[in-house]
Amino acid sequence: MKILKAHEMAELDRITIEEIGVPSPVLMENAARGVLAVIEEKFPDSRKILVVAGKGNNGGDGIALARMLYLKGKKVDLFLPMGDPKGDGELQLRVVKKLGLEPIKVEPAYESYDLIIDAIFGTGFTPPVRGKVASVIERINSCSVPVVSVDIPSGLSADTGEVFEPFVRADVTVTFQFPKVCHVLYPASKFCGEVLVHDISIPESLADDIKRELLTADKLTLPIREPDTYKNREGHVLLLGGSAGKTGAVILSALSATRTGSGLVTVGIPRELNPIVESQLVEEMSLPLAGGDRLSYFCVDEVLRLQDKFSALGMGMGMDRYEEGQDIVLEIIQRWEKPLLLDADALNNLADSGKIDILKERQHPTVLTPHVGEFSRLSGLSSKEIIPNQIDVAREFSGKYGCYLVLKGARTVIASPDGSAFVSTRGTPAMAKGGVGDVLAGILTSLLGKGMGTLEALKLGVFLHGVAGEIAEEGTHLEGLRARDIVEAIPKAYKSIENFLK
């Protein structure tokens, strides 16, 4: 499902009306019927309903909805805090007045209603809200009545996850044809409540060129394991990292790579730490490399001499940040000639080196998996700039440096050098714990090593990781989830996806 910005949605509206010939009032009727269906399903006992409508098309949707509710026998009050609407909304207002539904003249007692419909501002609105309407929104939020927003909670921007006070805090948002950026990115999406997308007869093919997309199970490709396969055909991945006090990171990556399906998994670790790591591995192998508490630069030649044995390399998990580490990362980037995933301290060391442009020189698939803090170091952007604009900043970075970016957070964005971006909403707040990113690094490296297309591997891996987190939480508790619980849930996550795709 594509994710649109306001100007894109406006253009699709225009094409549908002017070129395809669907009259604008028809789209408005379809929108209102979509919201009506949601109200009847989710708030069937609501008898007294307040519709707060603005002057634009969003207000027109609200007025059309007020008419439908009125004809259903509901007690409906229509409040127009900005005055009479224009355009198609004016047509809708004339109709409801002829039916005997006159807008109320004074501001209502919001607490006296069973349900409030927010149809003040739509996707074309540019925040912030000012004047009388600002106080109306504040009063709506201060009461305990459930709120359904039409298309977008009034006061939010369709194009970003950023929030601008005041804005409506909705329990349910019914949007039309496609979700908008604010519906999927935090913090704005948190205030949209449950988001439901309703078809209003705009052809979905009109959005084919939009490169923002919601990551859903129907967009995934699962690896195929042939009946005559063998372990090397299923990929032999190398996971490079670990340092004193942080060996657990690369161990978690190794365990998750095995669970994801790698035929062989090898962990490259500083030689003096090898006994610790090896004691935690059974199916996986360890590769003792030059180094004491941390990897030494001399490990690079050891790794590269063995390059033909491996199908993909993931590095950085528990590696530590240090000057020699910068040299290791830069050398690997330049000389590793197979898929390469950079995670955790591989990213920090790259950022610390100040030589991020070296990514542009790579001729082989390169994947970066930063969380917001790591991406801030790489990009120079603040977290306040990154989080509400995750899609845009990820696409820009990926295109600039010719790499694939998996920008992790409460939402995870996968960006490809071709400009496409996929947003995953799967997962749970329980996954906000140490080690969870290391599990993802192992999953993604495993899939890259199995020979899947890079973008297909990343889409499957991110989705699999989120579903595994959800399954793991069901078996434990929001507070008690461990990263290793997610590792053990990977097979069930695979089954869940397979069952959906059947």
Protein backbone atom coordinates (compact mmCIF):
# COMPACT_ATOMS: atom_id res chain seq x y z
CA MET A 1 0.00 0.00 0.00
CA LYS A 2 1.47 3.33 -1.08
CA ILE A 3 2.06 6.15 1.39
CA LEU A 4 1.23 9.60 0.03
CA LYS A 5 1.92 13.23 0.78
CA ALA A 6 -0.70 15.96 0.51
CA HIS A 7 0.26 17.26 -2.93
CA GLU A 8 0.32 13.73 -4.32
CA MET A 9 -3.15 12.98 -2.98
CA ALA A 10 -4.41 16.27 -4.40
CA GLU A 11 -3.06 15.35 -7.82
CA LEU A 12 -4.75 11.93 -7.70
CA ASP A 13 -8.01 13.66 -6.76
CA ARG A 14 -7.60 16.02 -9.71
CA ILE A 15 -6.90 13.23 -12.21
CA THR A 16 -9.85 11.20 -10.95
CA ILE A 17 -12.21 14.17 -11.25
CA GLU A 18 -10.94 15.98 -14.35
CA GLU A 19 -9.46 13.21 -16.50
CA ILE A 20 -11.33 10.06 -15.46
CA GLY A 21 -14.60 11.87 -14.90
CA VAL A 22 -15.66 10.85 -11.41
CA PRO A 23 -17.52 13.92 -10.05
CA SER A 24 -16.08 15.46 -6.91
CA PRO A 25 -19.38 15.09 -4.97
CA VAL A 26 -19.25 11.35 -5.67
CA LEU A 27 -15.83 11.11 -4.02
CA MET A 28 -17.21 13.08 -1.08
CA GLU A 29 -20.18 10.74 -0.76
CA ASN A 30 -17.87 7.72 -0.90
CA ALA A 31 -15.66 9.20 1.81
CA ALA A 32 -18.62 9.90 4.08
CA ARG A 33 -19.99 6.38 3.58
CA GLY A 34 -16.61 4.96 4.53
CA VAL A 35 -16.60 6.84 7.82
CA LEU A 36 -20.23 5.88 8.42
CA ALA A 37 -19.37 2.18 8.05
CA VAL A 38 -16.60 2.54 10.62
CA ILE A 39 -18.89 4.32 13.09
CA GLU A 40 -21.53 1.62 12.74
CA GLU A 41 -18.95 -1.08 13.34
CA LYS A 42 -16.92 0.46 16.15
CA PHE A 43 -19.41 2.79 17.87
CA PRO A 44 -22.78 1.10 17.28
CA ASP A 45 -24.29 2.39 20.53
CA SER A 46 -23.54 6.06 19.86
CA ARG A 47 -26.85 7.88 19.69
CA LYS A 48 -25.87 11.53 20.18
CA ILE A 49 -23.11 12.57 17.79
CA LEU A 50 -21.36 15.89 17.23
CA VAL A 51 -19.87 16.64 13.80
CA VAL A 52 -17.35 19.49 13.83
CA ALA A 53 -16.73 20.55 10.23
CA GLY A 54 -14.39 23.03 8.58
CA LYS A 55 -14.74 25.12 5.41
CA GLY A 56 -12.92 22.88 2.92
CA ASN A 57 -13.52 19.47 1.40
CA ASN A 58 -12.79 17.77 4.71
CA GLY A 59 -15.65 19.77 6.19
CA GLY A 60 -17.78 18.73 3.23
CA ASP A 61 -17.05 15.08 4.01
CA GLY A 62 -18.15 15.75 7.58
CA ILE A 63 -21.38 17.45 6.55
CA ALA A 64 -22.22 14.57 4.18
CA LEU A 65 -21.57 12.20 7.07
CA ALA A 66 -23.84 14.27 9.36
CA ARG A 67 -26.64 13.86 6.83
CA MET A 68 -26.16 10.09 6.67
CA LEU A 69 -26.13 9.76 10.45
CA TYR A 70 -29.23 12.00 10.71
CA LEU A 71 -31.09 9.83 8.21
CA LYS A 72 -30.09 6.78 10.24
CA GLY A 73 -32.02 8.20 13.16
CA LYS A 74 -29.06 9.48 15.19
CA LYS A 75 -29.27 12.69 17.21
CA VAL A 76 -26.77 14.80 15.26
CA ASP A 77 -25.44 18.26 15.97
CA LEU A 78 -23.45 19.97 13.24
CA PHE A 79 -21.01 22.64 14.40
CA LEU A 80 -19.22 24.92 11.92
CA PRO A 81 -16.58 26.85 13.95
CA MET A 82 -15.13 28.48 10.81
CA GLY A 83 -18.45 29.43 9.26
CA ASP A 84 -20.17 28.05 6.18
CA PRO A 85 -18.07 25.85 3.87
CA LYS A 86 -17.24 26.54 0.25
CA GLY A 87 -17.22 24.40 -2.90
CA ASP A 88 -18.71 20.94 -2.55
CA GLY A 89 -19.13 21.52 1.16
CA GLU A 90 -21.56 24.34 0.40
CA LEU A 91 -23.64 21.89 -1.68
CA GLN A 92 -23.65 19.41 1.22
CA LEU A 93 -24.75 22.13 3.63
CA ARG A 94 -27.71 23.13 1.44
CA VAL A 95 -28.85 19.51 1.37
CA VAL A 96 -28.71 18.98 5.15
CA LYS A 97 -30.58 22.22 5.76
CA LYS A 98 -33.37 21.10 3.42
CA LEU A 99 -33.60 17.92 5.48
CA GLY A 100 -34.06 19.98 8.62
CA LEU A 101 -30.55 19.64 10.06
CA GLU A 102 -29.51 23.21 10.90
CA PRO A 103 -25.98 23.86 12.21
CA ILE A 104 -25.91 24.85 15.87
CA LYS A 105 -25.12 28.50 16.54
CA VAL A 106 -23.21 28.25 19.83
CA GLU A 107 -20.26 26.12 20.82
CA PRO A 108 -21.55 22.79 22.15
CA ALA A 109 -20.97 21.05 25.46
CA TYR A 110 -18.58 18.42 24.13
CA GLU A 111 -18.92 16.10 27.12
CA SER A 112 -22.63 15.63 26.44
CA TYR A 113 -22.05 13.55 23.28
CA ASP A 114 -21.44 9.84 22.75
CA LEU A 115 -19.08 10.47 19.79
CA ILE A 116 -17.33 13.43 18.17
CA ILE A 117 -16.49 13.55 14.46
CA ASP A 118 -13.48 15.70 13.63
CA ALA A 119 -13.79 17.04 10.07
CA ILE A 120 -12.15 20.44 10.53
CA PHE A 121 -8.94 20.23 8.50
CA GLY A 122 -7.86 17.71 5.88
CA THR A 123 -4.60 16.75 4.22
CA GLY A 124 -4.25 20.12 2.52
CA PHE A 125 -3.91 21.99 5.81
CA THR A 126 -0.56 23.46 6.83
CA PRO A 127 -0.07 23.69 10.63
CA PRO A 128 -0.19 25.26 13.11
CA VAL A 129 -3.84 25.90 14.00
CA ARG A 130 -4.58 29.43 15.19
CA GLY A 131 -7.53 31.45 16.38
CA LYS A 132 -10.94 30.17 17.47
CA VAL A 133 -10.45 26.71 16.03
CA ALA A 134 -7.43 26.16 18.26
CA SER A 135 -9.63 26.50 21.34
CA VAL A 136 -12.22 24.17 19.78
CA ILE A 137 -9.56 21.49 19.31
CA GLU A 138 -8.33 21.95 22.87
CA ARG A 139 -11.86 21.47 24.19
CA ILE A 140 -12.37 18.35 22.08
CA ASN A 141 -9.17 16.90 23.53
CA SER A 142 -10.07 17.83 27.09
CA CYS A 143 -13.29 15.82 27.11
CA SER A 144 -13.46 12.05 27.49
CA VAL A 145 -15.68 11.45 24.43
CA PRO A 146 -14.21 9.17 21.70
CA VAL A 147 -13.17 10.98 18.52
CA VAL A 148 -13.21 9.79 14.91
CA SER A 149 -11.11 11.95 12.58
CA VAL A 150 -12.01 12.23 8.91
CA ASP A 151 -8.90 11.61 6.75
CA ILE A 152 -6.45 13.14 9.23
CA PRO A 153 -6.62 14.44 12.82
CA SER A 154 -7.09 18.17 12.44
CA GLY A 155 -3.94 20.14 13.11
CA LEU A 156 -1.48 17.50 11.90
CA SER A 157 0.50 17.76 8.68
CA ALA A 158 -0.09 14.95 6.19
CA ASP A 159 3.55 15.08 5.10
CA THR A 160 5.46 14.41 8.30
CA GLY A 161 5.39 12.67 11.65
CA GLU A 162 6.00 16.01 13.37
CA VAL A 163 3.25 17.38 15.60
CA PHE A 164 2.20 20.99 16.01
CA GLU A 165 0.03 22.00 18.97
CA PRO A 166 -2.89 22.06 19.05
CA PHE A 167 -4.09 19.01 17.14
CA VAL A 168 -6.91 16.54 17.59
CA ARG A 169 -6.06 13.34 19.44
CA ALA A 170 -8.17 10.77 17.63
CA ASP A 171 -9.26 7.33 18.73
CA VAL A 172 -9.88 6.29 15.12
CA THR A 173 -8.85 7.92 11.85
CA VAL A 174 -10.55 6.97 8.59
CA THR A 175 -8.37 8.01 5.67
CA PHE A 176 -9.12 7.66 2.01
CA GLN A 177 -7.55 5.40 -0.63
CA PHE A 178 -4.00 5.59 0.76
CA PRO A 179 -2.39 6.25 4.15
CA LYS A 180 -0.51 9.52 4.46
CA VAL A 181 2.93 10.00 6.01
CA CYS A 182 1.49 11.24 9.32
CA HIS A 183 -0.49 8.00 9.68
CA VAL A 184 2.65 5.85 9.77
CA LEU A 185 5.45 7.96 11.27
CA TYR A 186 5.86 8.87 14.93
CA PRO A 187 5.08 10.90 16.87
CA ALA A 188 2.05 11.92 14.74
CA SER A 189 0.82 8.36 14.13
CA LYS A 190 0.49 7.89 17.88
CA PHE A 191 -2.30 10.47 17.88
CA CYS A 192 -4.18 9.05 14.91
CA GLY A 193 -5.45 6.10 16.93
CA GLU A 194 -6.48 3.15 14.80
CA VAL A 195 -5.99 4.08 11.16
CA LEU A 196 -8.42 2.59 8.63
CA VAL A 197 -8.07 3.11 4.88
CA HIS A 198 -11.28 3.35 2.84
CA ASP A 199 -11.64 3.04 -0.94
CA ILE A 200 -13.38 6.08 -2.47
CA SER A 201 -13.01 5.05 -6.16
CA ILE A 202 -9.63 6.64 -6.91
CA PRO A 203 -7.78 4.07 -9.06
CA GLU A 204 -4.83 2.72 -7.10
CA SER A 205 -2.80 2.48 -10.31
CA LEU A 206 -2.54 6.29 -10.30
CA ALA A 207 -0.05 5.93 -7.43
CA ASP A 208 2.19 3.39 -9.17
CA ASP A 209 5.05 5.89 -9.46
CA ILE A 210 4.99 6.78 -5.75
CA LYS A 211 8.05 5.18 -4.13
CA ARG A 212 6.85 5.22 -0.52
CA GLU A 213 5.14 2.03 0.52
CA LEU A 214 3.82 0.31 3.62
CA LEU A 215 5.61 -3.01 4.13
CA THR A 216 2.98 -5.73 4.21
CA ALA A 217 3.18 -9.52 4.08
CA ASP A 218 1.82 -9.71 0.53
CA LYS A 219 4.92 -7.83 -0.66
CA LEU A 220 7.35 -10.43 0.71
CA THR A 221 9.28 -13.16 -1.07
CA LEU A 222 10.32 -16.21 0.97
CA PRO A 223 13.54 -18.08 0.20
CA ILE A 224 13.11 -21.41 -1.57
CA ARG A 225 14.91 -24.42 -0.12
CA GLU A 226 15.22 -27.02 -2.88
CA PRO A 227 14.85 -30.72 -1.98
CA ASP A 228 18.44 -31.44 -3.08
CA THR A 229 20.01 -28.47 -1.32
CA TYR A 230 23.04 -28.61 0.98
CA LYS A 231 24.42 -26.36 3.69
CA ASN A 232 26.77 -24.28 1.56
CA ARG A 233 24.02 -23.53 -0.93
CA GLU A 234 21.98 -22.04 1.93
CA GLY A 235 24.72 -19.51 2.62
CA HIS A 236 27.79 -19.32 4.82
CA VAL A 237 27.80 -15.98 6.62
CA LEU A 238 30.56 -14.35 8.61
CA LEU A 239 29.64 -12.12 11.57
CA LEU A 240 32.49 -9.91 12.70
CA GLY A 241 32.51 -8.09 16.02
CA GLY A 242 32.69 -8.47 19.76
CA SER A 243 34.88 -6.83 22.37
CA ALA A 244 35.45 -7.20 26.10
CA GLY A 245 32.08 -6.90 27.83
CA LYS A 246 30.11 -6.99 24.58
CA THR A 247 30.52 -10.50 23.17
CA GLY A 248 26.80 -11.13 23.62
CA ALA A 249 25.98 -8.87 20.66
CA VAL A 250 27.71 -10.97 18.03
CA ILE A 251 26.52 -14.19 19.71
CA LEU A 252 22.90 -13.04 19.34
CA SER A 253 23.53 -12.22 15.68
CA ALA A 254 24.95 -15.69 15.12
CA LEU A 255 22.02 -17.45 16.80
CA SER A 256 19.51 -15.43 14.77
CA ALA A 257 21.36 -16.13 11.50
CA THR A 258 21.08 -19.86 12.16
CA ARG A 259 17.39 -19.57 13.01
CA THR A 260 16.82 -17.54 9.83
CA GLY A 261 18.15 -20.34 7.66
CA SER A 262 21.87 -19.94 7.01
CA GLY A 263 23.55 -23.23 6.17
CA LEU A 264 26.69 -22.21 8.01
CA VAL A 265 27.43 -19.38 10.43
CA THR A 266 30.91 -18.29 11.52
CA VAL A 267 31.66 -15.68 14.18
CA GLY A 268 34.87 -13.68 13.80
CA ILE A 269 36.02 -12.62 17.26
CA PRO A 270 39.21 -11.30 18.91
CA ARG A 271 41.40 -14.31 19.66
CA GLU A 272 41.57 -13.70 23.41
CA LEU A 273 37.77 -13.59 23.62
CA ASN A 274 37.23 -16.72 21.55
CA PRO A 275 36.78 -19.10 24.54
CA ILE A 276 33.88 -16.96 25.80
CA VAL A 277 32.13 -16.90 22.44
CA GLU A 278 32.77 -20.54 21.59
CA SER A 279 31.25 -21.64 24.88
CA GLN A 280 27.96 -20.05 23.80
CA LEU A 281 27.82 -21.55 20.31
CA VAL A 282 26.75 -25.03 19.26
CA GLU A 283 25.64 -25.04 15.61
CA GLU A 284 27.76 -21.98 14.81
CA MET A 285 31.54 -21.86 14.38
CA SER A 286 34.02 -19.33 15.71
CA LEU A 287 36.95 -17.79 13.90
CA PRO A 288 39.64 -16.49 16.30
CA LEU A 289 41.18 -13.35 14.81
CA ALA A 290 44.00 -11.00 15.71
CA GLY A 291 43.06 -9.00 18.79
CA GLY A 292 42.88 -8.94 22.55
CA ASP A 293 39.96 -7.05 24.11
CA ARG A 294 39.07 -5.78 20.63
CA LEU A 295 39.76 -6.72 17.05
CA SER A 296 43.19 -5.73 15.77
CA TYR A 297 43.76 -4.18 12.34
CA PHE A 298 45.71 -7.32 11.46
CA CYS A 299 42.41 -9.24 11.39
CA VAL A 300 41.54 -7.64 8.05
CA ASP A 301 43.99 -9.70 6.01
CA GLU A 302 42.88 -12.86 7.83
CA VAL A 303 39.25 -12.16 6.93
CA LEU A 304 39.98 -11.27 3.32
CA ARG A 305 42.09 -14.40 2.78
CA LEU A 306 38.98 -16.42 3.65
CA GLN A 307 36.58 -14.30 1.59
CA ASP A 308 35.79 -17.08 -0.90
CA LYS A 309 34.36 -19.23 1.91
CA PHE A 310 31.62 -16.78 2.78
CA SER A 311 28.53 -15.51 0.99
CA ALA A 312 27.96 -12.38 3.10
CA LEU A 313 29.57 -10.42 5.93
CA GLY A 314 27.83 -8.62 8.78
CA MET A 315 30.05 -6.56 11.06
CA GLY A 316 30.01 -4.16 13.98
CA MET A 317 27.95 -5.95 16.63
CA GLY A 318 29.68 -5.30 19.96
CA MET A 319 32.82 -4.18 18.12
CA ASP A 320 33.51 -1.04 20.18
CA ARG A 321 34.53 2.42 18.95
CA TYR A 322 38.27 3.03 18.59
CA GLU A 323 40.75 4.41 16.08
CA GLU A 324 41.95 1.00 14.93
CA GLY A 325 38.31 -0.01 14.51
CA GLN A 326 37.87 2.85 12.05
CA ASP A 327 40.71 1.47 9.94
CA ILE A 328 39.21 -2.03 10.03
CA VAL A 329 35.82 -0.79 8.84
CA LEU A 330 37.27 1.37 6.06
CA GLU A 331 39.46 -1.46 4.81
CA ILE A 332 36.61 -3.95 4.78
CA ILE A 333 34.37 -1.51 2.92
CA GLN A 334 37.05 -1.10 0.26
CA ARG A 335 38.08 -4.73 -0.13
CA TRP A 336 35.10 -6.98 0.69
CA GLU A 337 33.60 -8.04 -2.65
CA LYS A 338 30.33 -9.62 -1.54
CA PRO A 339 27.21 -8.37 0.27
CA LEU A 340 28.24 -6.34 3.34
CA LEU A 341 26.10 -5.29 6.28
CA LEU A 342 27.36 -2.59 8.64
CA ASP A 343 25.70 -2.45 12.04
CA ALA A 344 26.27 -0.84 15.44
CA ASP A 345 29.93 0.06 16.01
CA ALA A 346 30.83 -0.51 12.36
CA LEU A 347 28.57 2.48 11.71
CA ASN A 348 29.96 4.45 14.63
CA ASN A 349 33.53 3.82 13.52
CA LEU A 350 32.63 4.84 9.97
CA ALA A 351 31.06 8.05 11.26
CA ASP A 352 34.03 8.74 13.54
CA SER A 353 36.43 8.33 10.61
CA GLY A 354 34.79 11.16 8.70
CA LYS A 355 35.19 9.14 5.48
CA ILE A 356 31.61 8.14 4.82
CA ASP A 357 32.01 9.03 1.13
CA ILE A 358 33.93 5.78 0.76
CA LEU A 359 30.54 4.06 0.52
CA LYS A 360 30.07 5.59 -2.93
CA GLU A 361 33.02 3.58 -4.24
CA ARG A 362 31.66 0.14 -3.40
CA GLN A 363 30.58 -2.02 -6.34
CA HIS A 364 28.79 -4.65 -4.25
CA PRO A 365 25.58 -4.54 -2.16
CA THR A 366 26.08 -2.51 1.01
CA VAL A 367 23.53 -2.35 3.81
CA LEU A 368 23.62 0.05 6.75
CA THR A 369 21.36 -0.68 9.74
CA PRO A 370 21.53 2.34 12.09
CA HIS A 371 19.18 3.25 14.87
CA VAL A 372 18.36 6.95 15.17
CA GLY A 373 21.43 7.78 17.29
CA GLU A 374 23.82 6.06 14.90
CA PHE A 375 22.14 7.66 11.92
CA SER A 376 22.51 11.04 13.57
CA ARG A 377 26.28 10.48 13.73
CA LEU A 378 26.38 9.39 10.10
CA SER A 379 24.18 12.11 8.68
CA GLY A 380 24.78 15.05 10.99
CA LEU A 381 21.02 15.39 11.54
CA SER A 382 19.47 15.63 15.00
CA SER A 383 17.00 13.03 16.26
CA LYS A 384 14.29 15.72 16.10
CA GLU A 385 14.99 16.07 12.39
CA ILE A 386 15.18 12.32 11.76
CA ILE A 387 12.22 10.74 13.57
CA PRO A 388 9.28 12.67 12.03
CA ASN A 389 10.96 12.66 8.59
CA GLN A 390 12.30 9.11 8.62
CA ILE A 391 11.22 8.26 5.09
CA ASP A 392 12.63 11.38 3.45
CA VAL A 393 15.98 11.35 5.25
CA ALA A 394 16.45 7.61 4.62
CA ARG A 395 15.75 7.97 0.90
CA GLU A 396 18.05 10.96 0.60
CA PHE A 397 20.92 9.20 2.38
CA SER A 398 20.51 5.97 0.42
CA GLY A 399 20.51 7.78 -2.90
CA LYS A 400 23.46 9.98 -1.99
CA TYR A 401 25.74 7.14 -0.89
CA GLY A 402 24.50 4.34 -3.14
CA CYS A 403 23.73 2.01 -0.23
CA TYR A 404 20.69 0.31 1.23
CA LEU A 405 19.58 1.82 4.52
CA VAL A 406 17.55 0.14 7.25
CA LEU A 407 16.74 3.04 9.58
CA LYS A 408 15.54 1.43 12.81
CA GLY A 409 13.10 2.85 15.32
CA ALA A 410 9.53 2.48 16.51
CA ARG A 411 8.99 2.47 12.76
CA THR A 412 11.67 0.95 10.55
CA VAL A 413 12.29 2.38 7.08
CA ILE A 414 14.08 0.44 4.33
CA ALA A 415 15.49 2.74 1.65
CA SER A 416 17.00 1.65 -1.65
CA PRO A 417 19.40 3.59 -3.89
CA ASP A 418 16.67 3.67 -6.57
CA GLY A 419 14.59 5.95 -4.33
CA SER A 420 12.07 3.40 -3.09
CA ALA A 421 11.24 3.18 0.60
CA PHE A 422 9.25 0.66 2.62
CA VAL A 423 7.91 1.39 6.10
CA SER A 424 7.41 -1.44 8.58
CA THR A 425 4.89 -0.95 11.36
CA ARG A 426 5.40 -4.45 12.76
CA GLY A 427 6.92 -5.03 16.18
CA THR A 428 6.16 -4.07 19.76
CA PRO A 429 7.44 -1.59 22.36
CA ALA A 430 8.80 -4.64 24.20
CA MET A 431 11.55 -4.74 21.56
CA ALA A 432 13.12 -1.54 22.91
CA LYS A 433 15.92 -3.49 24.60
CA GLY A 434 19.59 -4.18 24.13
CA GLY A 435 20.39 -6.98 21.71
CA VAL A 436 17.26 -6.66 19.57
CA GLY A 437 19.19 -4.82 16.85
CA ASP A 438 21.87 -7.52 16.93
CA VAL A 439 19.16 -10.09 16.23
CA LEU A 440 18.05 -8.08 13.20
CA ALA A 441 21.63 -7.84 11.95
CA GLY A 442 21.90 -11.63 12.06
CA ILE A 443 18.57 -12.10 10.28
CA LEU A 444 19.47 -9.69 7.49
CA THR A 445 22.99 -11.04 7.00
CA SER A 446 21.57 -14.55 6.80
CA LEU A 447 19.11 -13.59 4.07
CA LEU A 448 21.75 -11.65 2.14
CA GLY A 449 23.96 -14.73 2.32
CA LYS A 450 21.22 -16.95 0.91
CA GLY A 451 21.45 -15.16 -2.42
CA MET A 452 18.16 -13.27 -2.32
CA GLY A 453 17.94 -9.91 -4.04
CA THR A 454 19.14 -7.26 -1.61
CA LEU A 455 15.87 -5.35 -1.32
CA GLU A 456 13.82 -8.56 -1.08
CA ALA A 457 16.12 -9.82 1.69
CA LEU A 458 15.77 -6.59 3.66
CA LYS A 459 11.99 -6.44 3.33
CA LEU A 460 11.60 -10.03 4.48
CA GLY A 461 14.15 -9.66 7.28
CA VAL A 462 12.67 -6.51 8.77
CA PHE A 463 9.14 -7.91 8.62
CA LEU A 464 10.24 -11.28 10.03
CA HIS A 465 12.02 -9.54 12.90
CA GLY A 466 8.94 -7.47 13.79
CA VAL A 467 6.58 -10.45 13.67
CA ALA A 468 8.99 -12.54 15.75
CA GLY A 469 9.00 -9.77 18.35
CA GLU A 470 5.20 -9.77 18.47
CA ILE A 471 5.08 -13.55 18.82
CA ALA A 472 7.76 -13.51 21.51
CA GLU A 473 5.87 -10.89 23.52
CA GLU A 474 2.73 -13.05 23.43
CA GLY A 475 4.70 -15.81 25.13
CA THR A 476 6.19 -13.62 27.84
CA HIS A 477 5.37 -10.01 28.82
CA LEU A 478 5.88 -6.50 27.52
CA GLU A 479 8.53 -5.87 30.18
CA GLY A 480 10.04 -9.35 30.28
CA LEU A 481 10.93 -9.86 26.61
CA ARG A 482 14.58 -10.72 25.90
CA ALA A 483 16.38 -10.48 22.58
CA ARG A 484 16.96 -14.24 22.65
CA ASP A 485 13.18 -14.73 22.94
CA ILE A 486 12.92 -13.09 19.53
CA VAL A 487 15.58 -15.46 18.16
CA GLU A 488 13.53 -18.46 19.27
CA ALA A 489 10.35 -16.97 17.76
CA ILE A 490 11.82 -16.67 14.25
CA PRO A 491 10.53 -20.08 13.07
CA LYS A 492 6.99 -19.21 14.20
CA ALA A 493 7.28 -15.86 12.44
CA TYR A 494 8.24 -17.68 9.24
CA LYS A 495 5.17 -19.91 9.62
CA SER A 496 2.94 -16.90 10.17
CA ILE A 497 4.15 -15.30 6.95
CA GLU A 498 3.89 -18.58 5.02
CA ASN A 499 0.31 -19.08 6.20
CA PHE A 500 -0.60 -15.59 5.03
CA LEU A 501 0.95 -16.13 1.60
CA LYS A 502 -0.78 -19.47 0.98
